PDB file of N, CA and C in Angstrom:
ATOM      1  N   MET A   1      22.864  -0.856 -13.323  1.00  0.00           N
ATOM      2  CA  MET A   1      21.488  -0.240 -13.547  1.00  0.00           C
ATOM      3  C   MET A   1      20.773  -0.254 -12.196  1.00  0.00           C
ATOM      4  N   ARG A   2      20.194   1.067 -12.002  1.00  0.00           N
ATOM      5  CA  ARG A   2      19.535   1.167 -10.893  1.00  0.00           C
ATOM      6  C   ARG A   2      17.955   0.627 -11.072  1.00  0.00           C
ATOM      7  N   LYS A   3      17.622   0.013  -9.941  1.00  0.00           N
ATOM      8  CA  LYS A   3      15.992  -0.685 -10.026  1.00  0.00           C
ATOM      9  C   LYS A   3      15.188   0.490  -9.674  1.00  0.00           C
ATOM     10  N   THR A   4      14.126   0.805 -10.407  1.00  0.00           N
ATOM     11  CA  THR A   4      13.183   1.824 -10.145  1.00  0.00           C
ATOM     12  C   THR A   4      11.962   1.196  -9.559  1.00  0.00           C
ATOM     13  N   VAL A   5      11.536   0.012  -9.818  1.00  0.00           N
ATOM     14  CA  VAL A   5      10.417  -0.457  -9.115  1.00  0.00           C
ATOM     15  C   VAL A   5      10.277  -0.314  -7.614  1.00  0.00           C
ATOM     16  N   VAL A   6       9.065   0.123  -7.043  1.00  0.00           N
ATOM     17  CA  VAL A   6       8.884   0.353  -5.733  1.00  0.00           C
ATOM     18  C   VAL A   6       7.839  -0.705  -5.256  1.00  0.00           C
ATOM     19  N   ARG A   7       7.894  -1.271  -4.111  1.00  0.00           N
ATOM     20  CA  ARG A   7       6.986  -2.319  -3.650  1.00  0.00           C
ATOM     21  C   ARG A   7       6.571  -1.804  -2.155  1.00  0.00           C
ATOM     22  N   LEU A   8       5.288  -1.968  -1.833  1.00  0.00           N
ATOM     23  CA  LEU A   8       4.724  -1.569  -0.495  1.00  0.00           C
ATOM     24  C   LEU A   8       4.117  -2.903   0.131  1.00  0.00           C
ATOM     25  N   ASN A   9       4.536  -3.049   1.195  1.00  0.00           N
ATOM     26  CA  ASN A   9       3.718  -3.997   2.035  1.00  0.00           C
ATOM     27  C   ASN A   9       3.073  -3.651   3.288  1.00  0.00           C
ATOM     28  N   VAL A  10       1.827  -3.822   3.376  1.00  0.00           N
ATOM     29  CA  VAL A  10       0.919  -3.273   4.599  1.00  0.00           C
ATOM     30  C   VAL A  10       0.332  -4.448   5.013  1.00  0.00           C
ATOM     31  N   ASP A  11       0.680  -4.574   6.409  1.00  0.00           N
ATOM     32  CA  ASP A  11      -0.141  -5.731   7.198  1.00  0.00           C
ATOM     33  C   ASP A  11      -1.186  -4.882   8.160  1.00  0.00           C
ATOM     34  N   LEU A  12      -2.219  -5.498   8.116  1.00  0.00           N
ATOM     35  CA  LEU A  12      -3.684  -4.813   8.736  1.00  0.00           C
ATOM     36  C   LEU A  12      -4.260  -5.821   9.578  1.00  0.00           C
ATOM     37  N   THR A  13      -4.902  -5.432  10.770  1.00  0.00           N
ATOM     38  CA  THR A  13      -5.683  -6.196  11.526  1.00  0.00           C
ATOM     39  C   THR A  13      -7.044  -5.491  11.587  1.00  0.00           C
ATOM     40  N   VAL A  14      -8.112  -6.309  10.912  1.00  0.00           N
ATOM     41  CA  VAL A  14      -9.421  -5.772  11.071  1.00  0.00           C
ATOM     42  C   VAL A  14     -10.014  -5.683  12.377  1.00  0.00           C
ATOM     43  N   LYS A  15     -10.614  -4.387  12.853  1.00  0.00           N
ATOM     44  CA  LYS A  15     -11.387  -4.486  14.145  1.00  0.00           C
ATOM     45  C   LYS A  15     -12.396  -5.141  14.179  1.00  0.00           C
ATOM     46  N   ASP A  16     -12.995  -5.660  15.409  1.00  0.00           N
ATOM     47  CA  ASP A  16     -14.133  -6.442  15.572  1.00  0.00           C
ATOM     48  C   ASP A  16     -15.439  -5.915  14.907  1.00  0.00           C
ATOM     49  N   SER A  17     -16.208  -6.803  14.148  1.00  0.00           N
ATOM     50  CA  SER A  17     -17.402  -6.328  13.603  1.00  0.00           C
ATOM     51  C   SER A  17     -17.149  -5.430  12.363  1.00  0.00           C
ATOM     52  N   GLN A  18     -16.082  -5.265  11.976  1.00  0.00           N
ATOM     53  CA  GLN A  18     -15.871  -4.214  10.852  1.00  0.00           C
ATOM     54  C   GLN A  18     -15.246  -5.008   9.393  1.00  0.00           C
ATOM     55  N   LEU A  19     -15.544  -6.186   9.449  1.00  0.00           N
ATOM     56  CA  LEU A  19     -14.853  -6.938   8.212  1.00  0.00           C
ATOM     57  C   LEU A  19     -15.688  -6.625   6.818  1.00  0.00           C
ATOM     58  N   ASP A  20     -16.975  -6.695   6.863  1.00  0.00           N
ATOM     59  CA  ASP A  20     -17.749  -6.475   5.777  1.00  0.00           C
ATOM     60  C   ASP A  20     -17.550  -5.006   5.284  1.00  0.00           C
ATOM     61  N   GLU A  21     -17.329  -4.064   6.140  1.00  0.00           N
ATOM     62  CA  GLU A  21     -17.281  -2.612   5.577  1.00  0.00           C
ATOM     63  C   GLU A  21     -15.652  -2.514   5.021  1.00  0.00           C
ATOM     64  N   PHE A  22     -14.869  -3.258   5.784  1.00  0.00           N
ATOM     65  CA  PHE A  22     -13.450  -3.284   5.503  1.00  0.00           C
ATOM     66  C   PHE A  22     -13.308  -3.712   4.060  1.00  0.00           C
ATOM     67  N   LYS A  23     -13.860  -4.807   3.659  1.00  0.00           N
ATOM     68  CA  LYS A  23     -13.890  -5.359   2.345  1.00  0.00           C
ATOM     69  C   LYS A  23     -14.350  -4.475   1.319  1.00  0.00           C
ATOM     70  N   LYS A  24     -15.359  -3.686   1.675  1.00  0.00           N
ATOM     71  CA  LYS A  24     -15.974  -2.857   0.577  1.00  0.00           C
ATOM     72  C   LYS A  24     -14.861  -1.671   0.485  1.00  0.00           C
ATOM     73  N   VAL A  25     -14.277  -1.114   1.393  1.00  0.00           N
ATOM     74  CA  VAL A  25     -13.315   0.073   1.272  1.00  0.00           C
ATOM     75  C   VAL A  25     -12.133  -0.549   0.426  1.00  0.00           C
ATOM     76  N   ALA A  26     -11.615  -1.895   0.909  1.00  0.00           N
ATOM     77  CA  ALA A  26     -10.404  -2.473   0.105  1.00  0.00           C
ATOM     78  C   ALA A  26     -10.790  -2.462  -1.325  1.00  0.00           C
ATOM     79  N   LEU A  27     -12.059  -3.104  -1.630  1.00  0.00           N
ATOM     80  CA  LEU A  27     -12.334  -3.254  -3.118  1.00  0.00           C
ATOM     81  C   LEU A  27     -12.459  -1.898  -3.831  1.00  0.00           C
ATOM     82  N   ALA A  28     -12.879  -0.813  -3.176  1.00  0.00           N
ATOM     83  CA  ALA A  28     -12.809   0.527  -3.917  1.00  0.00           C
ATOM     84  C   ALA A  28     -11.621   0.878  -3.860  1.00  0.00           C
ATOM     85  N   MET A  29     -10.545   0.749  -3.101  1.00  0.00           N
ATOM     86  CA  MET A  29      -9.231   1.002  -3.252  1.00  0.00           C
ATOM     87  C   MET A  29      -8.567   0.437  -4.374  1.00  0.00           C
ATOM     88  N   THR A  30      -8.827  -0.842  -4.608  1.00  0.00           N
ATOM     89  CA  THR A  30      -8.454  -1.580  -5.724  1.00  0.00           C
ATOM     90  C   THR A  30      -8.943  -1.083  -7.056  1.00  0.00           C
ATOM     91  N   ALA A  31     -10.151  -0.829  -7.068  1.00  0.00           N
ATOM     92  CA  ALA A  31     -10.968  -0.284  -8.518  1.00  0.00           C
ATOM     93  C   ALA A  31     -10.103   1.098  -8.600  1.00  0.00           C
ATOM     94  N   GLY A  32      -9.989   2.037  -7.520  1.00  0.00           N
ATOM     95  CA  GLY A  32      -9.390   3.035  -7.875  1.00  0.00           C
ATOM     96  C   GLY A  32      -7.837   3.091  -8.454  1.00  0.00           C
ATOM     97  N   SER A  33      -7.099   2.076  -7.764  1.00  0.00           N
ATOM     98  CA  SER A  33      -5.698   1.943  -7.986  1.00  0.00           C
ATOM     99  C   SER A  33      -5.661   1.131  -9.410  1.00  0.00           C
ATOM    100  N   GLU A  34      -6.554   0.626 -10.036  1.00  0.00           N
ATOM    101  CA  GLU A  34      -6.369  -0.022 -11.328  1.00  0.00           C
ATOM    102  C   GLU A  34      -6.353   1.084 -12.408  1.00  0.00           C
ATOM    103  N   TRP A  35      -6.656   2.349 -12.326  1.00  0.00           N
ATOM    104  CA  TRP A  35      -6.726   3.347 -13.282  1.00  0.00           C
ATOM    105  C   TRP A  35      -5.447   4.251 -13.142  1.00  0.00           C
ATOM    106  N   GLU A  36      -4.575   4.052 -12.200  1.00  0.00           N
ATOM    107  CA  GLU A  36      -3.449   4.873 -11.763  1.00  0.00           C
ATOM    108  C   GLU A  36      -2.337   4.340 -12.944  1.00  0.00           C
ATOM    109  N   GLN A  37      -1.821   5.237 -13.558  1.00  0.00           N
ATOM    110  CA  GLN A  37      -0.571   5.015 -14.520  1.00  0.00           C
ATOM    111  C   GLN A  37       0.557   4.755 -13.424  1.00  0.00           C
ATOM    112  N   GLY A  38       1.328   3.640 -13.796  1.00  0.00           N
ATOM    113  CA  GLY A  38       2.327   3.262 -13.081  1.00  0.00           C
ATOM    114  C   GLY A  38       2.184   2.352 -11.898  1.00  0.00           C
ATOM    115  N   THR A  39       0.915   2.135 -11.674  1.00  0.00           N
ATOM    116  CA  THR A  39       0.405   1.000 -10.675  1.00  0.00           C
ATOM    117  C   THR A  39       0.612  -0.288 -11.334  1.00  0.00           C
ATOM    118  N   LEU A  40       1.495  -1.122 -10.940  1.00  0.00           N
ATOM    119  CA  LEU A  40       1.697  -2.422 -11.639  1.00  0.00           C
ATOM    120  C   LEU A  40       1.050  -3.656 -10.922  1.00  0.00           C
ATOM    121  N   GLY A  41       0.817  -3.429  -9.625  1.00  0.00           N
ATOM    122  CA  GLY A  41       0.108  -4.538  -8.848  1.00  0.00           C
ATOM    123  C   GLY A  41      -0.527  -3.797  -7.588  1.00  0.00           C
ATOM    124  N   TYR A  42      -1.684  -4.372  -7.242  1.00  0.00           N
ATOM    125  CA  TYR A  42      -2.431  -3.951  -6.046  1.00  0.00           C
ATOM    126  C   TYR A  42      -3.202  -5.087  -5.647  1.00  0.00           C
ATOM    127  N   GLU A  43      -2.627  -5.903  -4.614  1.00  0.00           N
ATOM    128  CA  GLU A  43      -3.299  -7.046  -4.183  1.00  0.00           C
ATOM    129  C   GLU A  43      -3.334  -7.325  -2.851  1.00  0.00           C
ATOM    130  N   TRP A  44      -4.679  -7.925  -2.445  1.00  0.00           N
ATOM    131  CA  TRP A  44      -4.946  -8.047  -1.012  1.00  0.00           C
ATOM    132  C   TRP A  44      -4.976  -9.722  -0.731  1.00  0.00           C
ATOM    133  N   PHE A  45      -4.490  -9.848   0.386  1.00  0.00           N
ATOM    134  CA  PHE A  45      -4.501 -11.156   1.064  1.00  0.00           C
ATOM    135  C   PHE A  45      -5.122 -11.262   2.345  1.00  0.00           C
ATOM    136  N   SER A  46      -5.848 -12.352   2.645  1.00  0.00           N
ATOM    137  CA  SER A  46      -6.451 -12.421   4.025  1.00  0.00           C
ATOM    138  C   SER A  46      -6.228 -13.789   4.627  1.00  0.00           C
ATOM    139  N   SER A  47      -6.165 -13.702   5.938  1.00  0.00           N
ATOM    140  CA  SER A  47      -6.170 -15.050   6.753  1.00  0.00           C
ATOM    141  C   SER A  47      -7.447 -15.693   6.723  1.00  0.00           C
ATOM    142  N   ALA A  48      -7.442 -16.979   7.098  1.00  0.00           N
ATOM    143  CA  ALA A  48      -8.641 -17.723   7.019  1.00  0.00           C
ATOM    144  C   ALA A  48      -9.872 -17.162   7.798  1.00  0.00           C
ATOM    145  N   ASP A  49      -9.645 -16.575   8.912  1.00  0.00           N
ATOM    146  CA  ASP A  49     -10.538 -15.859   9.639  1.00  0.00           C
ATOM    147  C   ASP A  49     -11.081 -14.545   9.206  1.00  0.00           C
ATOM    148  N   GLY A  50     -10.282 -14.021   8.311  1.00  0.00           N
ATOM    149  CA  GLY A  50     -10.520 -12.611   7.753  1.00  0.00           C
ATOM    150  C   GLY A  50     -10.022 -11.398   8.673  1.00  0.00           C
ATOM    151  N   ARG A  51      -9.361 -11.732   9.629  1.00  0.00           N
ATOM    152  CA  ARG A  51      -8.904 -10.649  10.607  1.00  0.00           C
ATOM    153  C   ARG A  51      -7.640 -10.161  10.142  1.00  0.00           C
ATOM    154  N   GLN A  52      -6.677 -10.863   9.624  1.00  0.00           N
ATOM    155  CA  GLN A  52      -5.491 -10.280   9.304  1.00  0.00           C
ATOM    156  C   GLN A  52      -5.456 -10.303   7.692  1.00  0.00           C
ATOM    157  N   TRP A  53      -4.913  -8.902   7.307  1.00  0.00           N
ATOM    158  CA  TRP A  53      -4.874  -8.792   5.866  1.00  0.00           C
ATOM    159  C   TRP A  53      -3.459  -8.339   5.546  1.00  0.00           C
ATOM    160  N   ARG A  54      -3.018  -8.458   4.203  1.00  0.00           N
ATOM    161  CA  ARG A  54      -1.762  -8.123   3.670  1.00  0.00           C
ATOM    162  C   ARG A  54      -2.014  -7.355   2.288  1.00  0.00           C
ATOM    163  N   LEU A  55      -1.747  -6.099   2.062  1.00  0.00           N
ATOM    164  CA  LEU A  55      -1.660  -5.386   0.740  1.00  0.00           C
ATOM    165  C   LEU A  55      -0.354  -5.433   0.271  1.00  0.00           C
ATOM    166  N   LEU A  56      -0.227  -5.895  -1.003  1.00  0.00           N
ATOM    167  CA  LEU A  56       0.956  -5.789  -1.657  1.00  0.00           C
ATOM    168  C   LEU A  56       0.791  -4.962  -2.824  1.00  0.00           C
ATOM    169  N   GLU A  57       1.589  -3.801  -2.868  1.00  0.00           N
ATOM    170  CA  GLU A  57       1.579  -2.884  -3.957  1.00  0.00           C
ATOM    171  C   GLU A  57       2.814  -2.798  -4.808  1.00  0.00           C
ATOM    172  N   ILE A  58       2.831  -2.594  -5.983  1.00  0.00           N
ATOM    173  CA  ILE A  58       3.944  -2.395  -6.902  1.00  0.00           C
ATOM    174  C   ILE A  58       3.787  -1.361  -7.854  1.00  0.00           C
ATOM    175  N   TYR A  59       4.720  -0.503  -7.960  1.00  0.00           N
ATOM    176  CA  TYR A  59       4.706   0.842  -8.749  1.00  0.00           C
ATOM    177  C   TYR A  59       5.936   0.689  -9.573  1.00  0.00           C
ATOM    178  N   ALA A  60       5.691   1.532 -10.812  1.00  0.00           N
ATOM    179  CA  ALA A  60       7.024   1.355 -11.772  1.00  0.00           C
ATOM    180  C   ALA A  60       7.996   2.133 -11.285  1.00  0.00           C
ATOM    181  N   ASP A  61       7.753   3.282 -10.469  1.00  0.00           N
ATOM    182  CA  ASP A  61       8.832   4.163 -10.017  1.00  0.00           C
ATOM    183  C   ASP A  61       8.416   4.997  -9.039  1.00  0.00           C
ATOM    184  N   ALA A  62       9.245   5.878  -8.396  1.00  0.00           N
ATOM    185  CA  ALA A  62       8.769   6.816  -7.293  1.00  0.00           C
ATOM    186  C   ALA A  62       7.721   7.647  -7.619  1.00  0.00           C
ATOM    187  N   ALA A  63       7.747   8.197  -9.143  1.00  0.00           N
ATOM    188  CA  ALA A  63       6.664   8.963  -9.392  1.00  0.00           C
ATOM    189  C   ALA A  63       5.265   8.407  -9.397  1.00  0.00           C
ATOM    190  N   ALA A  64       5.074   7.215  -9.714  1.00  0.00           N
ATOM    191  CA  ALA A  64       3.982   6.583  -9.739  1.00  0.00           C
ATOM    192  C   ALA A  64       3.523   6.275  -8.267  1.00  0.00           C
ATOM    193  N   VAL A  65       4.513   6.143  -7.182  1.00  0.00           N
ATOM    194  CA  VAL A  65       4.007   6.127  -5.761  1.00  0.00           C
ATOM    195  C   VAL A  65       3.568   7.421  -5.349  1.00  0.00           C
ATOM    196  N   LEU A  66       4.043   8.414  -5.828  1.00  0.00           N
ATOM    197  CA  LEU A  66       3.843   9.848  -5.339  1.00  0.00           C
ATOM    198  C   LEU A  66       2.442  10.113  -6.052  1.00  0.00           C
ATOM    199  N   ALA A  67       2.140   9.738  -7.240  1.00  0.00           N
ATOM    200  CA  ALA A  67       0.819  10.011  -7.839  1.00  0.00           C
ATOM    201  C   ALA A  67      -0.217   9.243  -6.838  1.00  0.00           C
ATOM    202  N   HIS A  68       0.048   8.046  -6.614  1.00  0.00           N
ATOM    203  CA  HIS A  68      -0.934   7.195  -5.769  1.00  0.00           C
ATOM    204  C   HIS A  68      -1.056   7.906  -4.408  1.00  0.00           C
ATOM    205  N   PHE A  69      -0.233   8.237  -3.771  1.00  0.00           N
ATOM    206  CA  PHE A  69      -0.142   8.896  -2.401  1.00  0.00           C
ATOM    207  C   PHE A  69      -0.929  10.329  -2.500  1.00  0.00           C
ATOM    208  N   LYS A  70      -0.996  11.011  -3.634  1.00  0.00           N
ATOM    209  CA  LYS A  70      -1.657  12.193  -3.774  1.00  0.00           C
ATOM    210  C   LYS A  70      -2.958  12.063  -4.313  1.00  0.00           C
ATOM    211  N   GLY A  71      -3.242  10.768  -4.909  1.00  0.00           N
ATOM    212  CA  GLY A  71      -4.534  10.529  -5.506  1.00  0.00           C
ATOM    213  C   GLY A  71      -5.793  10.214  -4.523  1.00  0.00           C
ATOM    214  N   PRO A  72      -6.976   9.987  -5.075  1.00  0.00           N
ATOM    215  CA  PRO A  72      -8.028   9.736  -4.245  1.00  0.00           C
ATOM    216  C   PRO A  72      -7.961   8.535  -3.307  1.00  0.00           C
ATOM    217  N   VAL A  73      -7.274   7.385  -3.822  1.00  0.00           N
ATOM    218  CA  VAL A  73      -7.240   6.246  -2.997  1.00  0.00           C
ATOM    219  C   VAL A  73      -6.615   6.346  -1.733  1.00  0.00           C
ATOM    220  N   VAL A  74      -5.508   7.258  -1.703  1.00  0.00           N
ATOM    221  CA  VAL A  74      -4.945   7.357  -0.328  1.00  0.00           C
ATOM    222  C   VAL A  74      -5.498   8.732   0.430  1.00  0.00           C
ATOM    223  N   THR A  75      -5.986   9.689  -0.399  1.00  0.00           N
ATOM    224  CA  THR A  75      -6.467  10.836   0.243  1.00  0.00           C
ATOM    225  C   THR A  75      -7.820  10.687   0.835  1.00  0.00           C
ATOM    226  N   GLU A  76      -8.576   9.854  -0.099  1.00  0.00           N
ATOM    227  CA  GLU A  76     -10.093   9.657   0.529  1.00  0.00           C
ATOM    228  C   GLU A  76     -10.511   8.445   1.079  1.00  0.00           C
ATOM    229  N   LEU A  77      -9.712   7.344   0.608  1.00  0.00           N
ATOM    230  CA  LEU A  77     -10.167   5.856   0.999  1.00  0.00           C
ATOM    231  C   LEU A  77      -9.474   5.403   2.081  1.00  0.00           C
ATOM    232  N   VAL A  78      -8.004   5.735   2.244  1.00  0.00           N
ATOM    233  CA  VAL A  78      -7.149   5.282   3.377  1.00  0.00           C
ATOM    234  C   VAL A  78      -7.790   5.747   4.627  1.00  0.00           C
ATOM    235  N   PRO A  79      -8.185   7.081   4.731  1.00  0.00           N
ATOM    236  CA  PRO A  79      -8.800   7.555   6.013  1.00  0.00           C
ATOM    237  C   PRO A  79     -10.009   6.413   6.392  1.00  0.00           C
ATOM    238  N   LYS A  80     -10.726   6.230   5.511  1.00  0.00           N
ATOM    239  CA  LYS A  80     -11.821   5.416   5.705  1.00  0.00           C
ATOM    240  C   LYS A  80     -11.363   3.946   6.304  1.00  0.00           C
ATOM    241  N   LEU A  81     -10.355   3.346   5.563  1.00  0.00           N
ATOM    242  CA  LEU A  81      -9.945   1.990   6.000  1.00  0.00           C
ATOM    243  C   LEU A  81      -9.195   2.170   7.452  1.00  0.00           C
ATOM    244  N   ALA A  82      -8.513   3.150   7.526  1.00  0.00           N
ATOM    245  CA  ALA A  82      -7.875   3.371   8.956  1.00  0.00           C
ATOM    246  C   ALA A  82      -8.718   3.268  10.146  1.00  0.00           C
ATOM    247  N   ALA A  83      -9.978   3.767   9.826  1.00  0.00           N
ATOM    248  CA  ALA A  83     -10.930   3.479  10.942  1.00  0.00           C
ATOM    249  C   ALA A  83     -11.353   2.149  11.234  1.00  0.00           C
ATOM    250  N   LEU A  84     -11.197   1.319  10.386  1.00  0.00           N
ATOM    251  CA  LEU A  84     -11.693  -0.055  10.436  1.00  0.00           C
ATOM    252  C   LEU A  84     -10.584  -1.158  10.810  1.00  0.00           C
ATOM    253  N   CYS A  85      -9.370  -0.780  11.033  1.00  0.00           N
ATOM    254  CA  CYS A  85      -8.188  -1.589  11.026  1.00  0.00           C
ATOM    255  C   CYS A  85      -7.165  -0.893  11.774  1.00  0.00           C
ATOM    256  N   THR A  86      -6.234  -1.642  12.193  1.00  0.00           N
ATOM    257  CA  THR A  86      -4.910  -1.220  12.497  1.00  0.00           C
ATOM    258  C   THR A  86      -3.852  -1.610  11.821  1.00  0.00           C
ATOM    259  N   VAL A  87      -2.811  -0.858  11.756  1.00  0.00           N
ATOM    260  CA  VAL A  87      -1.727  -1.075  10.735  1.00  0.00           C
ATOM    261  C   VAL A  87      -0.669  -1.763  11.638  1.00  0.00           C
ATOM    262  N   ASP A  88      -0.374  -2.935  11.304  1.00  0.00           N
ATOM    263  CA  ASP A  88       0.567  -3.817  12.028  1.00  0.00           C
ATOM    264  C   ASP A  88       2.149  -3.615  11.585  1.00  0.00           C
ATOM    265  N   ARG A  89       2.059  -3.415  10.258  1.00  0.00           N
ATOM    266  CA  ARG A  89       3.601  -3.241   9.677  1.00  0.00           C
ATOM    267  C   ARG A  89       3.242  -2.626   8.284  1.00  0.00           C
ATOM    268  N   PHE A  90       4.188  -1.656   7.814  1.00  0.00           N
ATOM    269  CA  PHE A  90       4.191  -0.815   6.703  1.00  0.00           C
ATOM    270  C   PHE A  90       5.511  -0.904   6.244  1.00  0.00           C
ATOM    271  N   GLU A  91       5.937  -1.265   5.058  1.00  0.00           N
ATOM    272  CA  GLU A  91       7.198  -1.288   4.748  1.00  0.00           C
ATOM    273  C   GLU A  91       7.300  -1.028   3.127  1.00  0.00           C
ATOM    274  N   ILE A  92       8.380  -0.190   2.863  1.00  0.00           N
ATOM    275  CA  ILE A  92       8.672   0.115   1.499  1.00  0.00           C
ATOM    276  C   ILE A  92       9.964  -0.312   1.101  1.00  0.00           C
ATOM    277  N   TYR A  93       9.919  -0.971  -0.157  1.00  0.00           N
ATOM    278  CA  TYR A  93      11.078  -1.596  -0.765  1.00  0.00           C
ATOM    279  C   TYR A  93      11.345  -0.813  -1.986  1.00  0.00           C
ATOM    280  N   GLY A  94      12.636  -0.354  -1.966  1.00  0.00           N
ATOM    281  CA  GLY A  94      13.001   0.645  -3.138  1.00  0.00           C
ATOM    282  C   GLY A  94      12.967   2.111  -2.548  1.00  0.00           C
ATOM    283  N   ASP A  95      13.202   2.979  -3.830  1.00  0.00           N
ATOM    284  CA  ASP A  95      13.345   4.394  -3.517  1.00  0.00           C
ATOM    285  C   ASP A  95      11.966   4.987  -3.847  1.00  0.00           C
ATOM    286  N   ALA A  96      11.165   5.405  -2.928  1.00  0.00           N
ATOM    287  CA  ALA A  96       9.919   5.932  -3.131  1.00  0.00           C
ATOM    288  C   ALA A  96       9.904   7.538  -3.303  1.00  0.00           C
ATOM    289  N   GLY A  97      11.168   7.986  -3.196  1.00  0.00           N
ATOM    290  CA  GLY A  97      11.221   9.524  -3.272  1.00  0.00           C
ATOM    291  C   GLY A  97      11.024  10.137  -2.029  1.00  0.00           C
ATOM    292  N   PRO A  98      11.638  11.267  -1.772  1.00  0.00           N
ATOM    293  CA  PRO A  98      11.625  12.030  -0.457  1.00  0.00           C
ATOM    294  C   PRO A  98      10.176  12.326   0.044  1.00  0.00           C
ATOM    295  N   GLN A  99       9.259  12.692  -0.795  1.00  0.00           N
ATOM    296  CA  GLN A  99       8.010  13.016  -0.396  1.00  0.00           C
ATOM    297  C   GLN A  99       7.102  11.782   0.245  1.00  0.00           C
ATOM    298  N   VAL A 100       6.970  10.839  -0.604  1.00  0.00           N
ATOM    299  CA  VAL A 100       6.562   9.509  -0.081  1.00  0.00           C
ATOM    300  C   VAL A 100       7.254   8.831   1.190  1.00  0.00           C
ATOM    301  N   THR A 101       8.438   9.070   1.133  1.00  0.00           N
ATOM    302  CA  THR A 101       9.200   8.415   2.321  1.00  0.00           C
ATOM    303  C   THR A 101       8.898   9.269   3.636  1.00  0.00           C
ATOM    304  N   GLN A 102       8.645  10.572   3.607  1.00  0.00           N
ATOM    305  CA  GLN A 102       8.333  11.316   4.648  1.00  0.00           C
ATOM    306  C   GLN A 102       6.869  11.201   4.951  1.00  0.00           C
ATOM    307  N   MET A 103       5.863  11.119   4.035  1.00  0.00           N
ATOM    308  CA  MET A 103       4.501  10.903   4.252  1.00  0.00           C
ATOM    309  C   MET A 103       4.286   9.436   4.930  1.00  0.00           C
ATOM    310  N   ALA A 104       4.903   8.337   4.413  1.00  0.00           N
ATOM    311  CA  ALA A 104       4.696   7.113   4.916  1.00  0.00           C
ATOM    312  C   ALA A 104       5.490   6.823   6.240  1.00  0.00           C
ATOM    313  N   GLY A 105       6.566   7.584   6.394  1.00  0.00           N
ATOM    314  CA  GLY A 105       7.221   7.519   7.619  1.00  0.00           C
ATOM    315  C   GLY A 105       6.411   8.045   8.761  1.00  0.00           C
ATOM    316  N   ALA A 106       5.544   9.201   8.490  1.00  0.00           N
ATOM    317  CA  ALA A 106       4.653   9.574   9.495  1.00  0.00           C
ATOM    318  C   ALA A 106       3.730   8.615   9.795  1.00  0.00           C
ATOM    319  N   LEU A 107       3.388   7.593   9.073  1.00  0.00           N
ATOM    320  CA  LEU A 107       2.476   6.487   9.285  1.00  0.00           C
ATOM    321  C   LEU A 107       3.157   5.237   9.872  1.00  0.00           C
ATOM    322  N   GLY A 108       4.540   5.478  10.239  1.00  0.00           N
ATOM    323  CA  GLY A 108       5.327   4.380  10.728  1.00  0.00           C
ATOM    324  C   GLY A 108       5.814   3.328   9.821  1.00  0.00           C
ATOM    325  N   ALA A 109       5.818   3.900   8.383  1.00  0.00           N
ATOM    326  CA  ALA A 109       6.355   2.964   7.426  1.00  0.00           C
ATOM    327  C   ALA A 109       8.059   2.802   7.668  1.00  0.00           C
ATOM    328  N   ARG A 110       8.593   1.788   7.407  1.00  0.00           N
ATOM    329  CA  ARG A 110      10.135   1.674   7.382  1.00  0.00           C
ATOM    330  C   ARG A 110      10.454   1.500   5.874  1.00  0.00           C
ATOM    331  N   THR A 111      11.567   1.965   5.381  1.00  0.00           N
ATOM    332  CA  THR A 111      11.962   1.915   3.997  1.00  0.00           C
ATOM    333  C   THR A 111      13.339   1.109   3.868  1.00  0.00           C
ATOM    334  N   PHE A 112      13.391   0.331   2.991  1.00  0.00           N
ATOM    335  CA  PHE A 112      14.382  -0.675   2.766  1.00  0.00           C
ATOM    336  C   PHE A 112      14.916  -0.300   1.267  1.00  0.00           C
ATOM    337  N   ALA A 113      16.058  -0.009   1.212  1.00  0.00           N
ATOM    338  CA  ALA A 113      16.818   0.398  -0.132  1.00  0.00           C
ATOM    339  C   ALA A 113      17.077  -0.751  -0.874  1.00  0.00           C
ATOM    340  N   TYR A 114      16.820  -0.741  -2.151  1.00  0.00           N
ATOM    341  CA  TYR A 114      17.209  -1.725  -3.060  1.00  0.00           C
ATOM    342  C   TYR A 114      18.779  -2.104  -3.039  1.00  0.00           C
ATOM    343  N   THR A 115      19.301  -3.200  -3.039  1.00  0.00           N
ATOM    344  CA  THR A 115      20.539  -3.448  -2.979  1.00  0.00           C
ATOM    345  C   THR A 115      21.020  -4.330  -4.181  1.00  0.00           C
ATOM    346  N   ALA A 116      20.365  -5.386  -4.412  1.00  0.00           N
ATOM    347  CA  ALA A 116      20.682  -6.444  -5.618  1.00  0.00           C
ATOM    348  C   ALA A 116      19.379  -7.410  -5.560  1.00  0.00           C
ATOM    349  N   GLY A 117      19.462  -7.968  -6.719  1.00  0.00           N
ATOM    350  CA  GLY A 117      18.262  -9.050  -6.891  1.00  0.00           C
ATOM    351  C   GLY A 117      18.031  -9.343  -8.227  1.00  0.00           C
ATOM    352  N   LEU A 118      16.919 -10.234  -8.529  1.00  0.00           N
ATOM    353  CA  LEU A 118      16.537 -10.459  -9.789  1.00  0.00           C
ATOM    354  C   LEU A 118      14.779 -10.738  -9.866  1.00  0.00           C
ATOM    355  N   THR A 119      14.281 -10.218 -10.663  1.00  0.00           N
ATOM    356  CA  THR A 119      12.790 -10.272 -11.040  1.00  0.00           C
ATOM    357  C   THR A 119      12.671 -10.549 -12.376  1.00  0.00           C
ATOM    358  N   ARG A 120      11.892 -11.627 -12.482  1.00  0.00           N
ATOM    359  CA  ARG A 120      11.496 -11.992 -14.024  1.00  0.00           C
ATOM    360  C   ARG A 120       9.964 -11.841 -14.223  1.00  0.00           C
TER     361      ARG A 120
END
C-alpha cells in the first residue's frame, strides 16, 4: 500500500523586532488552515527566545497540499510572513504532486520520497 499522507517541515528565523507581527501572521495562517479540507495538522513550535520557529504541517494527500498552496493562507499570508523572517529549511516528506513540488522547489524546498514506516 502506498502512503498518501504528506508532511511539511519549515524552519524559520524571525527578523529583529518582528516577533509580535510574526505571531499575528502565524495565528492567521493557522486559523485559515483549520478550515481547509484535508489539512490534518498545522502546528507552530518556537525556541525559548522566540527567534527560531518550526512549522509542522500534515496533509491527507497531494490534492490537499495543492489546495493549501493555491488557497489564501499561502497566496496572501505567506508573503506577509516571508517579510518578517528567513526560511532556514523547508522539507516535504511524501508525494506532494508535481505542482507543489515545483512551487516549493522554487522556495528552496527539498522533497523526500516515502520509503517505509509506521504511523499510529
